[in-house]
Amino acid sequence: MEAQPNIRVLKAVVIILGLLIILSVTVIAVTLYRRMNPPAPPPAVAVEAAPGITPAPSVAAEPPAQTRPFGDHKVELPAGARLIETRMVGDRMFLRARLLGGNEVWVVLSLVTGQRLGSFELGTAAE
């Protein structure tokens, strides 16, 4: 008659392990689904300028990629510049280069059109 309590414990262990397996498979399935279907970007929110501050001019939105082909583009860096790093954020590519004098320049490119959007030269202030 001592075999009865051991069977109850065994049944409890099997049920608990079965629930853990179902929970694990569900977590894996949800993770795969979310990685295959990334969330939509948040909607743009209009922000009003504080009184006395002139808002910056708005930039026209770029047309969709299918109406304007990317094509081949040449990116000009200053003479003697050495490319250090590239980063991609959203539809922008940032190129970081070191200039001959030791300063750095960041060049901003559009990944949609391939055009150069602008650049930032970083340097120390003259003393």
C-alpha atoms as a PDB file:
ATOM      1  CA  MET A   1       0.000   0.000   0.000  1.00  0.00           C
ATOM      2  CA  GLU A   2       2.994   2.320   0.171  1.00  0.00           C
ATOM      3  CA  ALA A   3       3.147   2.497  -3.646  1.00  0.00           C
ATOM      4  CA  GLN A   4       0.076   4.742  -3.757  1.00  0.00           C
ATOM      5  CA  PRO A   5       1.729   7.966  -2.448  1.00  0.00           C
ATOM      6  CA  ASN A   6       4.639   7.548  -4.892  1.00  0.00           C
ATOM      7  CA  ILE A   7       2.225   7.336  -7.842  1.00  0.00           C
ATOM      8  CA  ARG A   8       0.522  10.560  -6.713  1.00  0.00           C
ATOM      9  CA  VAL A   9       3.868  12.346  -6.531  1.00  0.00           C
ATOM     10  CA  LEU A  10       4.808  10.960  -9.947  1.00  0.00           C
ATOM     11  CA  LYS A  11       1.503  12.152 -11.441  1.00  0.00           C
ATOM     12  CA  ALA A  12       2.057  15.639  -9.969  1.00  0.00           C
ATOM     13  CA  VAL A  13       5.593  15.798 -11.391  1.00  0.00           C
ATOM     14  CA  VAL A  14       4.408  14.689 -14.851  1.00  0.00           C
ATOM     15  CA  ILE A  15       1.601  17.265 -14.876  1.00  0.00           C
ATOM     16  CA  ILE A  16       3.919  20.085 -13.741  1.00  0.00           C
ATOM     17  CA  LEU A  17       6.562  19.168 -16.343  1.00  0.00           C
ATOM     18  CA  GLY A  18       3.888  18.955 -19.045  1.00  0.00           C
ATOM     19  CA  LEU A  19       2.668  22.457 -18.173  1.00  0.00           C
ATOM     20  CA  LEU A  20       6.255  23.764 -18.251  1.00  0.00           C
ATOM     21  CA  ILE A  21       6.788  22.250 -21.712  1.00  0.00           C
ATOM     22  CA  ILE A  22       3.581  23.849 -23.012  1.00  0.00           C
ATOM     23  CA  LEU A  23       4.582  27.199 -21.497  1.00  0.00           C
ATOM     24  CA  SER A  24       8.087  26.994 -23.028  1.00  0.00           C
ATOM     25  CA  VAL A  25       6.764  26.161 -26.511  1.00  0.00           C
ATOM     26  CA  THR A  26       4.300  29.074 -26.243  1.00  0.00           C
ATOM     27  CA  VAL A  27       7.087  31.510 -25.289  1.00  0.00           C
ATOM     28  CA  ILE A  28       9.230  30.302 -28.217  1.00  0.00           C
ATOM     29  CA  ALA A  29       6.307  30.615 -30.662  1.00  0.00           C
ATOM     30  CA  VAL A  30       5.447  34.155 -29.490  1.00  0.00           C
ATOM     31  CA  THR A  31       9.108  35.224 -29.690  1.00  0.00           C
ATOM     32  CA  LEU A  32       9.439  33.889 -33.251  1.00  0.00           C
ATOM     33  CA  TYR A  33       6.197  35.587 -34.291  1.00  0.00           C
ATOM     34  CA  ARG A  34       7.324  38.964 -32.894  1.00  0.00           C
ATOM     35  CA  ARG A  35      10.727  38.742 -34.578  1.00  0.00           C
ATOM     36  CA  MET A  36       9.170  37.886 -37.932  1.00  0.00           C
ATOM     37  CA  ASN A  37       6.602  40.730 -37.636  1.00  0.00           C
ATOM     38  CA  PRO A  38       8.280  43.824 -36.154  1.00  0.00           C
ATOM     39  CA  PRO A  39       5.960  46.479 -34.710  1.00  0.00           C
ATOM     40  CA  ALA A  40       4.929  49.437 -36.850  1.00  0.00           C
ATOM     41  CA  PRO A  41       6.838  52.687 -36.210  1.00  0.00           C
ATOM     42  CA  PRO A  42       5.112  55.110 -33.859  1.00  0.00           C
ATOM     43  CA  PRO A  43       3.046  57.847 -35.526  1.00  0.00           C
ATOM     44  CA  ALA A  44       4.642  61.259 -35.932  1.00  0.00           C
ATOM     45  CA  VAL A  45       3.506  63.781 -33.334  1.00  0.00           C
ATOM     46  CA  ALA A  46       3.318  67.489 -34.060  1.00  0.00           C
ATOM     47  CA  VAL A  47       5.087  69.624 -31.461  1.00  0.00           C
ATOM     48  CA  GLU A  48       4.310  73.314 -31.047  1.00  0.00           C
ATOM     49  CA  ALA A  49       7.162  75.760 -30.540  1.00  0.00           C
ATOM     50  CA  ALA A  50       7.336  77.743 -27.327  1.00  0.00           C
ATOM     51  CA  PRO A  51       6.308  81.417 -27.595  1.00  0.00           C
ATOM     52  CA  GLY A  52       9.099  83.563 -29.002  1.00  0.00           C
ATOM     53  CA  ILE A  53      10.882  80.671 -30.738  1.00  0.00           C
ATOM     54  CA  THR A  54      10.784  80.465 -34.502  1.00  0.00           C
ATOM     55  CA  PRO A  55      10.209  76.877 -35.636  1.00  0.00           C
ATOM     56  CA  ALA A  56      12.689  75.339 -38.046  1.00  0.00           C
ATOM     57  CA  PRO A  57      11.493  74.993 -41.636  1.00  0.00           C
ATOM     58  CA  SER A  58       9.930  71.640 -42.345  1.00  0.00           C
ATOM     59  CA  VAL A  59      11.728  69.175 -44.560  1.00  0.00           C
ATOM     60  CA  ALA A  60       9.729  67.727 -47.426  1.00  0.00           C
ATOM     61  CA  ALA A  61       9.153  64.011 -47.147  1.00  0.00           C
ATOM     62  CA  GLU A  62      11.075  61.847 -49.579  1.00  0.00           C
ATOM     63  CA  PRO A  63       8.982  60.022 -52.167  1.00  0.00           C
ATOM     64  CA  PRO A  64       8.568  56.266 -51.789  1.00  0.00           C
ATOM     65  CA  ALA A  65      11.456  54.089 -52.927  1.00  0.00           C
ATOM     66  CA  GLN A  66       9.525  52.626 -55.870  1.00  0.00           C
ATOM     67  CA  THR A  67       9.126  56.065 -57.560  1.00  0.00           C
ATOM     68  CA  ARG A  68      12.758  57.094 -57.095  1.00  0.00           C
ATOM     69  CA  PRO A  69      15.364  54.399 -57.738  1.00  0.00           C
ATOM     70  CA  PHE A  70      18.386  54.247 -55.470  1.00  0.00           C
ATOM     71  CA  GLY A  71      20.986  53.871 -58.237  1.00  0.00           C
ATOM     72  CA  ASP A  72      24.753  54.302 -57.868  1.00  0.00           C
ATOM     73  CA  HIS A  73      26.152  57.222 -55.895  1.00  0.00           C
ATOM     74  CA  LYS A  74      29.672  58.350 -55.064  1.00  0.00           C
ATOM     75  CA  VAL A  75      30.278  59.771 -51.596  1.00  0.00           C
ATOM     76  CA  GLU A  76      33.001  62.404 -51.521  1.00  0.00           C
ATOM     77  CA  LEU A  77      35.025  62.662 -48.313  1.00  0.00           C
ATOM     78  CA  PRO A  78      37.509  65.491 -47.732  1.00  0.00           C
ATOM     79  CA  ALA A  79      41.018  64.883 -49.075  1.00  0.00           C
ATOM     80  CA  GLY A  80      43.080  62.694 -46.751  1.00  0.00           C
ATOM     81  CA  ALA A  81      40.086  61.622 -44.660  1.00  0.00           C
ATOM     82  CA  ARG A  82      40.042  58.075 -43.302  1.00  0.00           C
ATOM     83  CA  LEU A  83      36.732  56.268 -42.772  1.00  0.00           C
ATOM     84  CA  ILE A  84      36.431  55.125 -39.143  1.00  0.00           C
ATOM     85  CA  GLU A  85      32.868  53.940 -38.681  1.00  0.00           C
ATOM     86  CA  THR A  86      29.495  53.504 -40.363  1.00  0.00           C
ATOM     87  CA  ARG A  87      26.112  53.382 -38.625  1.00  0.00           C
ATOM     88  CA  MET A  88      22.615  52.855 -39.973  1.00  0.00           C
ATOM     89  CA  VAL A  89      19.630  54.252 -38.099  1.00  0.00           C
ATOM     90  CA  GLY A  90      16.221  54.019 -39.730  1.00  0.00           C
ATOM     91  CA  ASP A  91      16.562  55.240 -43.302  1.00  0.00           C
ATOM     92  CA  ARG A  92      19.821  57.103 -42.649  1.00  0.00           C
ATOM     93  CA  MET A  93      23.462  56.043 -42.916  1.00  0.00           C
ATOM     94  CA  PHE A  94      26.112  57.893 -40.937  1.00  0.00           C
ATOM     95  CA  LEU A  95      29.757  57.768 -42.038  1.00  0.00           C
ATOM     96  CA  ARG A  96      32.402  58.887 -39.535  1.00  0.00           C
ATOM     97  CA  ALA A  97      35.786  59.882 -40.923  1.00  0.00           C
ATOM     98  CA  ARG A  98      38.946  61.314 -39.360  1.00  0.00           C
ATOM     99  CA  LEU A  99      40.434  64.316 -41.170  1.00  0.00           C
ATOM    100  CA  LEU A 100      44.142  65.061 -41.583  1.00  0.00           C
ATOM    101  CA  GLY A 101      44.161  67.679 -38.793  1.00  0.00           C
ATOM    102  CA  GLY A 102      42.651  65.207 -36.278  1.00  0.00           C
ATOM    103  CA  ASN A 103      39.093  66.533 -36.455  1.00  0.00           C
ATOM    104  CA  GLU A 104      36.221  64.241 -37.388  1.00  0.00           C
ATOM    105  CA  VAL A 105      33.412  64.596 -39.895  1.00  0.00           C
ATOM    106  CA  TRP A 106      30.036  62.816 -39.914  1.00  0.00           C
ATOM    107  CA  VAL A 107      28.412  62.455 -43.331  1.00  0.00           C
ATOM    108  CA  VAL A 108      24.662  61.717 -43.400  1.00  0.00           C
ATOM    109  CA  LEU A 109      23.230  59.727 -46.338  1.00  0.00           C
ATOM    110  CA  SER A 110      19.678  58.684 -47.183  1.00  0.00           C
ATOM    111  CA  LEU A 111      19.282  54.928 -47.610  1.00  0.00           C
ATOM    112  CA  VAL A 112      16.080  55.528 -49.602  1.00  0.00           C
ATOM    113  CA  THR A 113      17.561  57.740 -52.318  1.00  0.00           C
ATOM    114  CA  GLY A 114      21.305  57.347 -51.743  1.00  0.00           C
ATOM    115  CA  GLN A 115      21.767  61.119 -51.664  1.00  0.00           C
ATOM    116  CA  ARG A 116      24.034  62.991 -49.274  1.00  0.00           C
ATOM    117  CA  LEU A 117      21.832  64.857 -46.809  1.00  0.00           C
ATOM    118  CA  GLY A 118      24.569  66.791 -45.049  1.00  0.00           C
ATOM    119  CA  SER A 119      27.601  66.555 -42.826  1.00  0.00           C
ATOM    120  CA  PHE A 120      28.909  67.646 -39.436  1.00  0.00           C
ATOM    121  CA  GLU A 121      32.545  68.507 -38.851  1.00  0.00           C
ATOM    122  CA  LEU A 122      33.614  68.040 -35.239  1.00  0.00           C
ATOM    123  CA  GLY A 123      36.623  69.909 -33.959  1.00  0.00           C
ATOM    124  CA  THR A 124      37.984  71.749 -30.953  1.00  0.00           C
ATOM    125  CA  ALA A 125      37.339  75.449 -30.439  1.00  0.00           C
ATOM    126  CA  ALA A 126      40.266  77.780 -31.173  1.00  0.00           C
ATOM    127  CA  GLU A 127      41.790  79.149 -27.992  1.00  0.00           C
END
